[in-house]
Protein backbone atom coordinates (compact mmCIF):
# COMPACT_ATOMS: atom_id res chain seq x y z
CA UNK A 1 7.36 -5.23 -6.10
CA UNK A 2 4.97 -2.33 -6.87
CA UNK A 3 4.27 -0.45 -3.63
CA UNK A 4 2.64 2.36 -5.29
CA UNK A 5 -0.41 3.76 -3.29
CA UNK A 6 -3.55 3.18 -5.42
CA UNK A 7 -5.79 5.96 -6.23
CA UNK A 8 -8.65 5.06 -3.81
CA UNK A 9 -6.18 4.92 -0.96
CA UNK A 10 -4.73 8.33 -2.03
CA UNK A 11 -8.33 9.61 -1.71
CA UNK A 12 -8.73 8.17 1.74
CA UNK A 13 -5.37 9.80 2.56
CA UNK A 14 -6.53 13.02 1.49
CA UNK A 15 -9.72 12.73 3.67
CA UNK A 16 -7.75 11.83 6.63
CA UNK A 17 -5.42 14.68 5.84
CA UNK A 18 -8.12 17.27 5.78
CA UNK A 19 -9.75 15.77 8.77
CA UNK A 20 -6.40 16.14 10.95
CA UNK A 21 -5.77 19.60 9.74
CA UNK A 22 -9.14 20.59 11.10
CA UNK A 23 -9.85 18.61 14.06
CA UNK A 24 -6.46 17.25 15.24
CA UNK A 25 -3.44 19.43 14.72
CA UNK A 26 -4.82 22.56 16.56
CA UNK A 27 -5.58 20.52 19.70
CA UNK A 28 -2.87 17.82 19.76
CA UNK A 29 -0.52 19.80 22.00
CA UNK A 30 -3.21 20.58 24.46
CA UNK A 31 -4.45 17.00 24.59
CA UNK A 32 -0.98 15.98 25.52
CA UNK A 33 -0.41 18.59 28.24
CA UNK A 34 -3.60 17.51 29.74
CA UNK A 35 -3.27 13.90 29.26
CA UNK A 36 -6.73 13.75 27.97
CA UNK A 37 -8.19 11.02 25.66
CA UNK A 38 -10.07 13.03 23.01
CA UNK A 39 -13.21 10.91 23.00
CA UNK A 40 -15.19 13.37 20.83
CA UNK A 41 -12.51 13.28 18.04
CA UNK A 42 -12.16 9.53 18.16
CA UNK A 43 -16.00 9.30 17.65
CA UNK A 44 -15.53 11.40 14.37
CA UNK A 45 -12.66 9.03 13.49
CA UNK A 46 -15.25 6.05 13.76
CA UNK A 47 -17.69 8.09 11.61
CA UNK A 48 -15.15 8.15 8.90
CA UNK A 49 -14.73 4.49 9.07
CA UNK A 50 -11.02 4.41 10.31
CA UNK A 51 -11.93 2.16 13.17
CA UNK A 52 -13.20 -0.55 10.89
CA UNK A 53 -10.28 -0.80 8.62
CA UNK A 54 -9.43 -4.41 9.36
CA UNK A 55 -13.09 -5.46 9.23
CA UNK A 56 -14.74 -6.92 6.16
CA UNK A 57 -17.72 -5.13 4.79
CA UNK A 58 -20.07 -7.75 5.71
CA UNK A 59 -19.67 -6.81 9.37
CA UNK A 60 -19.73 -3.17 8.61
CA UNK A 61 -16.17 -2.32 8.07
CA UNK A 62 -14.15 -0.67 5.43
CA UNK A 63 -11.52 -3.51 4.80
CA UNK A 64 -8.70 -1.23 3.58
CA UNK A 65 -5.94 -3.85 4.01
CA UNK A 66 -2.63 -3.50 5.50
CA UNK A 67 -1.33 -0.97 3.05
CA UNK A 68 -4.57 1.22 3.56
CA UNK A 69 -4.15 1.10 7.27
CA UNK A 70 -0.25 2.03 7.02
CA UNK A 71 -1.36 4.92 4.93
CA UNK A 72 -4.01 6.14 7.33
CA UNK A 73 -1.90 5.55 10.49
CA UNK A 74 1.08 7.42 8.95
CA UNK A 75 -1.20 10.37 8.04
CA UNK A 76 -2.76 10.68 11.50
CA UNK A 77 0.78 10.19 13.19
CA UNK A 78 2.08 13.18 11.21
CA UNK A 79 0.11 15.41 13.49
CA UNK A 80 -0.66 13.41 16.70
CA UNK A 81 1.09 10.17 17.66
CA UNK A 82 -1.46 9.33 20.34
CA UNK A 83 -4.51 9.32 18.16
CA UNK A 84 -2.58 7.46 15.58
CA UNK A 85 -1.86 4.77 18.37
CA UNK A 86 -5.48 4.71 19.37
CA UNK A 87 -6.50 3.88 15.78
CA UNK A 88 -3.59 1.41 15.21
CA UNK A 89 -4.19 -0.57 18.49
CA UNK A 90 -8.05 -0.62 18.06
CA UNK A 91 -7.60 -2.03 14.54
CA UNK A 92 -4.55 -4.05 14.84
CA UNK A 93 -4.86 -5.69 18.22
CA UNK A 94 -8.34 -6.24 19.79
CA UNK A 95 -10.52 -5.93 16.83
CA UNK A 96 -8.17 -7.97 14.64
CA UNK A 97 -7.95 -10.79 17.29
CA UNK A 98 -11.66 -11.30 17.44
CA UNK A 99 -11.93 -11.01 13.52
CA UNK A 100 -9.15 -13.57 13.00
CA UNK A 101 -9.77 -16.21 15.74
CA UNK A 102 -13.29 -15.43 17.31
CA UNK A 103 -16.28 -17.68 16.50
CA UNK A 104 -18.74 -16.32 14.13
CA UNK A 105 -21.14 -15.57 17.02
CA UNK A 106 -18.49 -13.28 18.56
CA UNK A 107 -17.78 -11.63 15.00
CA UNK A 108 -21.49 -10.78 14.51
CA UNK A 109 -22.02 -9.56 18.17
CA UNK A 110 -18.93 -7.31 18.35
CA UNK A 111 -17.36 -6.43 14.99
CA UNK A 112 -20.24 -3.98 13.58
CA UNK A 113 -20.03 -1.89 16.77
CA UNK A 114 -16.09 -2.04 16.88
CA UNK A 115 -15.98 -1.13 13.25
CA UNK A 116 -18.40 1.88 13.70
CA UNK A 117 -16.36 3.18 16.74
CA UNK A 118 -19.44 2.60 19.01
CA UNK A 119 -17.09 0.63 21.19
CA UNK A 120 -13.36 0.48 21.45
CA UNK A 121 -11.30 -2.54 21.69
CA UNK A 122 -8.30 -3.30 23.87
CA UNK A 123 -5.84 -6.33 24.05
CA UNK A 124 -4.19 -7.38 27.12
CA UNK A 125 -0.86 -9.26 26.92
CA UNK A 126 1.55 -7.24 28.80
CA UNK A 127 1.91 -7.96 32.53
CA UNK A 128 4.15 -6.47 35.49
CA UNK A 129 6.49 -9.21 35.12
CA UNK A 130 6.17 -10.23 31.41
CA UNK A 131 6.39 -8.32 28.22
CA UNK A 132 8.44 -10.02 25.39
CA UNK A 133 8.83 -13.28 27.73
CA UNK A 134 5.18 -14.62 27.29
CA UNK A 135 6.20 -17.77 29.07
CA UNK A 136 6.37 -15.61 32.19
CA UNK A 137 2.67 -14.74 31.97
CA UNK A 138 0.98 -14.97 35.40
CA UNK A 139 -2.77 -14.47 34.76
CA UNK A 140 -4.55 -17.76 34.97
CA UNK A 141 -7.73 -19.09 33.51
CA UNK A 142 -9.34 -22.25 35.27
CA UNK A 143 -12.10 -24.14 33.58
CA UNK A 144 -15.26 -24.60 35.67
CA UNK A 145 -17.72 -26.51 33.61
CA UNK A 146 -18.85 -24.30 30.82
CA UNK A 147 -17.03 -21.17 32.19
CA UNK A 148 -13.45 -20.05 32.89
CA UNK A 149 -12.40 -18.13 35.99
CA UNK A 150 -9.57 -15.53 35.21
CA UNK A 151 -7.31 -14.05 37.82
CA UNK A 152 -4.42 -11.74 37.26
CA UNK A 153 -3.07 -8.14 36.42
CA UNK A 154 -2.49 -6.68 32.92
CA UNK A 155 -0.21 -3.50 32.57
CA UNK A 156 0.31 -0.79 29.96
CA UNK A 157 -2.92 -1.56 28.16
CA UNK A 158 -4.00 1.00 25.39
CA UNK A 159 -7.70 1.93 25.60
CA UNK A 160 -7.70 0.33 29.26
CA UNK A 161 -10.10 2.42 30.72
CA UNK A 162 -12.06 3.89 27.50
CA UNK A 163 -12.34 0.36 25.97
CA UNK A 164 -15.43 -1.70 26.23
CA UNK A 165 -14.39 -4.93 24.66
CA UNK A 166 -11.21 -6.72 25.74
CA UNK A 167 -9.16 -9.58 24.52
CA UNK A 168 -7.16 -10.94 27.40
CA UNK A 169 -4.47 -13.64 27.26
CA UNK A 170 -4.31 -16.00 30.06
CA UNK A 171 -2.45 -19.31 30.96
CA UNK A 172 -4.71 -22.36 30.72
CA UNK A 173 -1.93 -25.14 30.68
CA UNK A 174 0.99 -23.92 32.87
CA UNK A 175 3.13 -27.01 32.04
CA UNK A 176 3.12 -25.82 28.26
CA UNK A 177 4.63 -22.54 29.00
CA UNK A 178 3.92 -20.26 26.14
CA UNK A 179 2.06 -22.89 24.33
CA UNK A 180 -0.47 -23.20 26.92
CA UNK A 181 -1.94 -19.62 26.82
CA UNK A 182 -5.50 -18.92 25.68
CA UNK A 183 -7.43 -15.66 24.62
CA UNK A 184 -10.77 -14.60 26.17
CA UNK A 185 -13.17 -11.74 25.33
CA UNK A 186 -14.19 -9.63 28.29
CA UNK A 187 -16.64 -6.68 28.54
CA UNK A 188 -16.18 -3.52 30.69
CA UNK A 189 -18.15 -3.77 33.78
CA UNK A 190 -18.01 -7.58 34.38
CA UNK A 191 -17.87 -8.42 37.98
CA UNK A 192 -14.28 -8.76 39.42
CA UNK A 193 -12.86 -6.84 36.24
CA UNK A 194 -11.48 -3.31 37.04
CA UNK A 195 -9.38 -0.79 35.28
CA UNK A 196 -6.83 1.67 36.71
CA UNK A 197 -5.59 4.63 34.47
CA UNK A 198 -2.00 5.13 34.21
CA UNK A 199 -0.73 8.77 34.28
CA UNK A 200 2.64 10.39 33.91
CA UNK A 201 3.94 8.87 30.75
CA UNK A 202 6.90 10.27 28.68
CA UNK A 203 4.81 10.31 25.57
CA UNK A 204 1.76 9.22 23.94
CA UNK A 205 -0.03 11.02 26.82
CA UNK A 206 -3.43 11.47 25.16
CA UNK A 207 -3.56 7.75 24.29
CA UNK A 208 -5.40 6.00 27.14
CA UNK A 209 -3.18 3.58 29.18
CA UNK A 210 -4.28 1.41 31.84
CA UNK A 211 -3.58 -1.53 34.51
CA UNK A 212 -6.30 -4.22 34.41
CA UNK A 213 -7.16 -6.42 37.38
CA UNK A 214 -9.12 -9.50 37.12
CA UNK A 215 -10.44 -11.19 40.38
CA UNK A 216 -12.43 -14.35 39.75
CA UNK A 217 -13.86 -12.91 36.73
CA UNK A 218 -16.35 -15.68 35.12
CA UNK A 219 -16.10 -16.00 31.19
CA UNK A 220 -18.29 -18.29 29.35
CA UNK A 221 -16.52 -20.68 27.12
CA UNK A 222 -18.22 -19.10 24.13
CA UNK A 223 -16.40 -15.97 24.82
CA UNK A 224 -13.00 -17.77 24.39
CA UNK A 225 -11.39 -16.26 21.20
CA UNK A 226 -9.51 -19.16 19.32
CA UNK A 227 -8.73 -22.74 20.33
CA UNK A 228 -7.64 -23.59 23.89
CA UNK A 229 -3.78 -23.29 24.45
CA UNK A 230 -3.49 -21.57 20.87
CA UNK A 231 -3.39 -17.94 22.12
CA UNK A 232 0.34 -17.50 21.85
CA UNK A 233 0.48 -18.77 18.34
CA UNK A 234 -2.37 -16.42 17.51
CA UNK A 235 -0.70 -13.55 19.21
CA UNK A 236 2.35 -13.93 17.13
CA UNK A 237 0.16 -13.64 13.99
CA UNK A 238 -1.43 -10.55 15.41
CA UNK A 239 1.74 -9.01 16.33
CA UNK A 240 3.16 -9.43 12.78
CA UNK A 241 0.65 -7.32 11.27
CA UNK A 242 0.64 -4.97 14.20
CA UNK A 243 4.36 -4.26 13.42
CA UNK A 244 3.32 -2.78 10.16
CA UNK A 245 1.16 -0.29 11.71
CA UNK A 246 3.52 0.76 14.18
CA UNK A 247 6.07 1.25 11.64
CA UNK A 248 3.66 3.44 9.92
CA UNK A 249 3.12 5.28 12.97
CA UNK A 250 6.88 5.68 13.43
CA UNK A 251 7.15 6.97 9.84
CA UNK A 252 4.53 9.53 10.29
CA UNK A 253 6.03 11.14 13.38
CA UNK A 254 9.44 11.11 11.38
CA UNK A 255 7.66 12.96 8.56
CA UNK A 256 5.88 15.41 10.96
CA UNK A 257 9.24 16.12 12.67
CA UNK A 258 10.84 16.70 9.07
CA UNK A 259 8.14 18.93 8.04
CA UNK A 260 8.21 21.05 11.27
CA UNK A 261 12.03 21.25 11.12
CA UNK A 262 12.11 22.34 7.34
CA UNK A 263 9.60 25.18 8.09
CA UNK A 264 11.43 26.29 11.14
CA UNK A 265 14.85 26.24 9.31
CA UNK A 266 13.51 28.39 6.49
CA UNK A 267 12.23 30.97 8.84
CA UNK A 268 14.81 31.10 11.44
CA UNK A 269 17.98 33.26 10.59
CA UNK A 270 21.50 33.34 11.96
CA UNK A 271 24.55 35.12 10.64
CA UNK A 272 22.37 37.05 8.09
CA UNK A 273 20.67 33.92 6.40
CA UNK A 274 18.13 31.27 6.96
CA UNK A 275 19.59 28.34 8.89
CA UNK A 276 18.51 26.04 6.06
CA UNK A 277 21.22 27.68 4.01
CA UNK A 278 23.90 26.33 6.57
CA UNK A 279 25.18 23.13 5.29
CA UNK A 280 25.19 21.40 8.87
CA UNK A 281 21.39 22.07 9.05
CA UNK A 282 20.77 21.27 5.44
CA UNK A 283 22.50 17.91 5.84
CA UNK A 284 20.40 16.92 8.73
CA UNK A 285 17.22 17.73 6.77
CA UNK A 286 18.68 15.56 3.83
CA UNK A 287 19.17 12.65 6.19
CA UNK A 288 15.71 12.97 7.97
CA UNK A 289 14.11 12.97 4.30
CA UNK A 290 16.04 9.87 3.09
CA UNK A 291 15.37 7.67 6.15
CA UNK A 292 11.74 8.70 6.39
CA UNK A 293 11.42 7.65 2.69
CA UNK A 294 13.26 4.51 3.34
CA UNK A 295 11.11 3.70 6.38
CA UNK A 296 7.89 4.30 4.40
CA UNK A 297 9.18 1.87 1.64
CA UNK A 298 9.99 -0.73 4.00
CA UNK A 299 6.77 -0.68 5.90
CA UNK A 300 4.83 -0.61 2.57
CA UNK A 301 6.66 -3.46 1.26
CA UNK A 302 5.55 -5.50 4.26
CA UNK A 303 1.94 -4.27 4.04
CA UNK A 304 1.85 -5.24 0.15
CA UNK A 305 3.13 -8.66 0.93
CA UNK A 306 0.48 -9.26 3.73
CA UNK A 307 -2.25 -7.86 1.49
CA UNK A 308 -1.05 -10.58 -1.07
CA UNK A 309 -1.24 -13.38 1.26
CA UNK A 310 2.45 -13.94 1.22
CA UNK A 311 5.00 -14.39 4.17
CA UNK A 312 5.81 -11.15 5.65
CA UNK A 313 6.94 -11.63 9.16
CA UNK A 314 10.62 -10.83 8.59
CA UNK A 315 9.69 -7.66 6.28
CA UNK A 316 7.32 -6.48 9.07
CA UNK A 317 10.20 -6.71 11.63
CA UNK A 318 12.46 -4.83 9.39
CA UNK A 319 10.05 -2.07 8.62
CA UNK A 320 8.96 -1.63 12.45
CA UNK A 321 12.78 -1.74 13.42
CA UNK A 322 14.10 0.64 10.87
CA UNK A 323 11.14 3.10 11.08
CA UNK A 324 10.92 3.38 14.84
CA UNK A 325 14.74 4.04 14.89
CA UNK A 326 14.59 6.35 12.09
CA UNK A 327 11.78 8.26 13.92
CA UNK A 328 14.14 8.64 17.04
CA UNK A 329 16.84 9.95 14.82
CA UNK A 330 14.58 12.43 12.90
CA UNK A 331 12.93 13.70 16.15
CA UNK A 332 16.33 14.23 17.76
CA UNK A 333 17.57 16.18 14.78
CA UNK A 334 14.36 18.15 14.63
CA UNK A 335 14.92 19.41 18.17
CA UNK A 336 18.49 20.07 17.42
CA UNK A 337 17.58 22.24 14.38
CA UNK A 338 15.02 24.09 16.61
CA UNK A 339 17.80 24.73 19.06
CA UNK A 340 16.50 26.05 22.48
CA UNK A 341 12.97 26.47 20.97
CA UNK A 342 12.94 22.68 20.37
CA UNK A 343 13.48 22.08 24.21
CA UNK A 344 9.96 23.86 24.84
CA UNK A 345 6.45 22.96 24.39
CA UNK A 346 5.94 25.88 22.10
CA UNK A 347 6.80 23.62 19.23
CA UNK A 348 5.51 20.20 18.55
CA UNK A 349 8.92 18.67 17.83
CA UNK A 350 9.49 17.78 21.61
CA UNK A 351 6.21 15.79 21.51
CA UNK A 352 7.23 14.05 18.42
CA UNK A 353 10.31 13.11 20.17
CA UNK A 354 8.65 11.84 23.08
CA UNK A 355 5.88 9.85 21.08
CA UNK A 356 8.62 8.18 18.98
CA UNK A 357 10.34 6.43 21.78
CA UNK A 358 7.33 4.15 22.34
CA UNK A 359 7.72 2.77 18.78
CA UNK A 360 11.14 1.44 19.91
CA UNK A 361 9.35 -0.53 22.74
CA UNK A 362 5.70 -1.41 21.98
CA UNK A 363 4.65 -4.35 19.86
CA UNK A 364 8.07 -5.80 20.21
CA UNK A 365 11.16 -4.04 21.13
CA UNK A 366 13.98 -3.24 18.63
CA UNK A 367 16.04 -6.21 20.16
CA UNK A 368 13.03 -8.54 19.42
CA UNK A 369 12.74 -7.18 15.85
CA UNK A 370 16.54 -8.03 15.45
CA UNK A 371 16.02 -11.56 16.88
CA UNK A 372 13.04 -12.30 14.45
CA UNK A 373 15.19 -10.97 11.55
CA UNK A 374 18.30 -12.76 12.58
CA UNK A 375 16.38 -15.93 12.77
CA UNK A 376 14.88 -15.58 9.26
CA UNK A 377 18.39 -14.69 7.92
CA UNK A 378 20.01 -17.71 9.48
CA UNK A 379 17.30 -20.06 8.85
């Protein structure tokens, strides 16, 4: 399989790199410390076309494909995991759900604004009592004529307060368990729909996260996204591609940690020489470089399969699993190489370490990825 990045995507990568060096890297630590969502920079990201990477050109998007998205998300995560998460979740979850399963009327109404970054998308699956266990979903949608009445709570929703377009999953046929879930589109400001920001996160601190509250929210049936009771099946399809982007995000964090650790090891001197010349440190860098390259190859393999229209679920799970755990190993080693300095906010490796942990949890935990892989192996 050819996973070589084509020239047009290399050009996109260079553009993103230049943008991040000027607009992101100098400010990422401050955004993290302040837990501040960088709305002004996200707007510029939209102007670059990076918030419409899944959207076809007919709706105003750039349609970069799974490989293109992986390249972009890795490049951003190399400098700031939080901004990479904003880009990944907007494209891969909310916007993608509307594109793939929404009606043509919903696509025409919302996709152009989402692709341009004029509006941000959020996606609501997780609840206080349900994450990987979708059958435990408690948010309910009851049909009343041509409308649905939604009640429930969603937790850990990315873009939860800054988003304006929400795709929310709710139970419509409780007796069917996970096969009785339907997706609905909501807009910020609807009567009975409220958002509460969540602060104090370990990592991804400048990515907006919120709790959503729905109290008798009326949603017209034409705002239903997909068929009735098909929401969970559609969700699995959304998450498969989302795992590619989270794998790319993790790869970017590992890459950033490697680059910072390499530069530091060349400068820091002990016993009369740079610590990079000590075999113990050099071997850590070697492991980090090898695992980062392997993570990228696994993620890109899944992306190429997805772009070719071939089955890629197992490969996406492998890429996400390996990349997220490799990122934790790389960021841990980066702190070790920095020694006491790595334990302070004076250097970015501690932020990479904190951000990387989410990659082992979000969009399917490492345990869920192993379940997916094992199921395919044993089939």
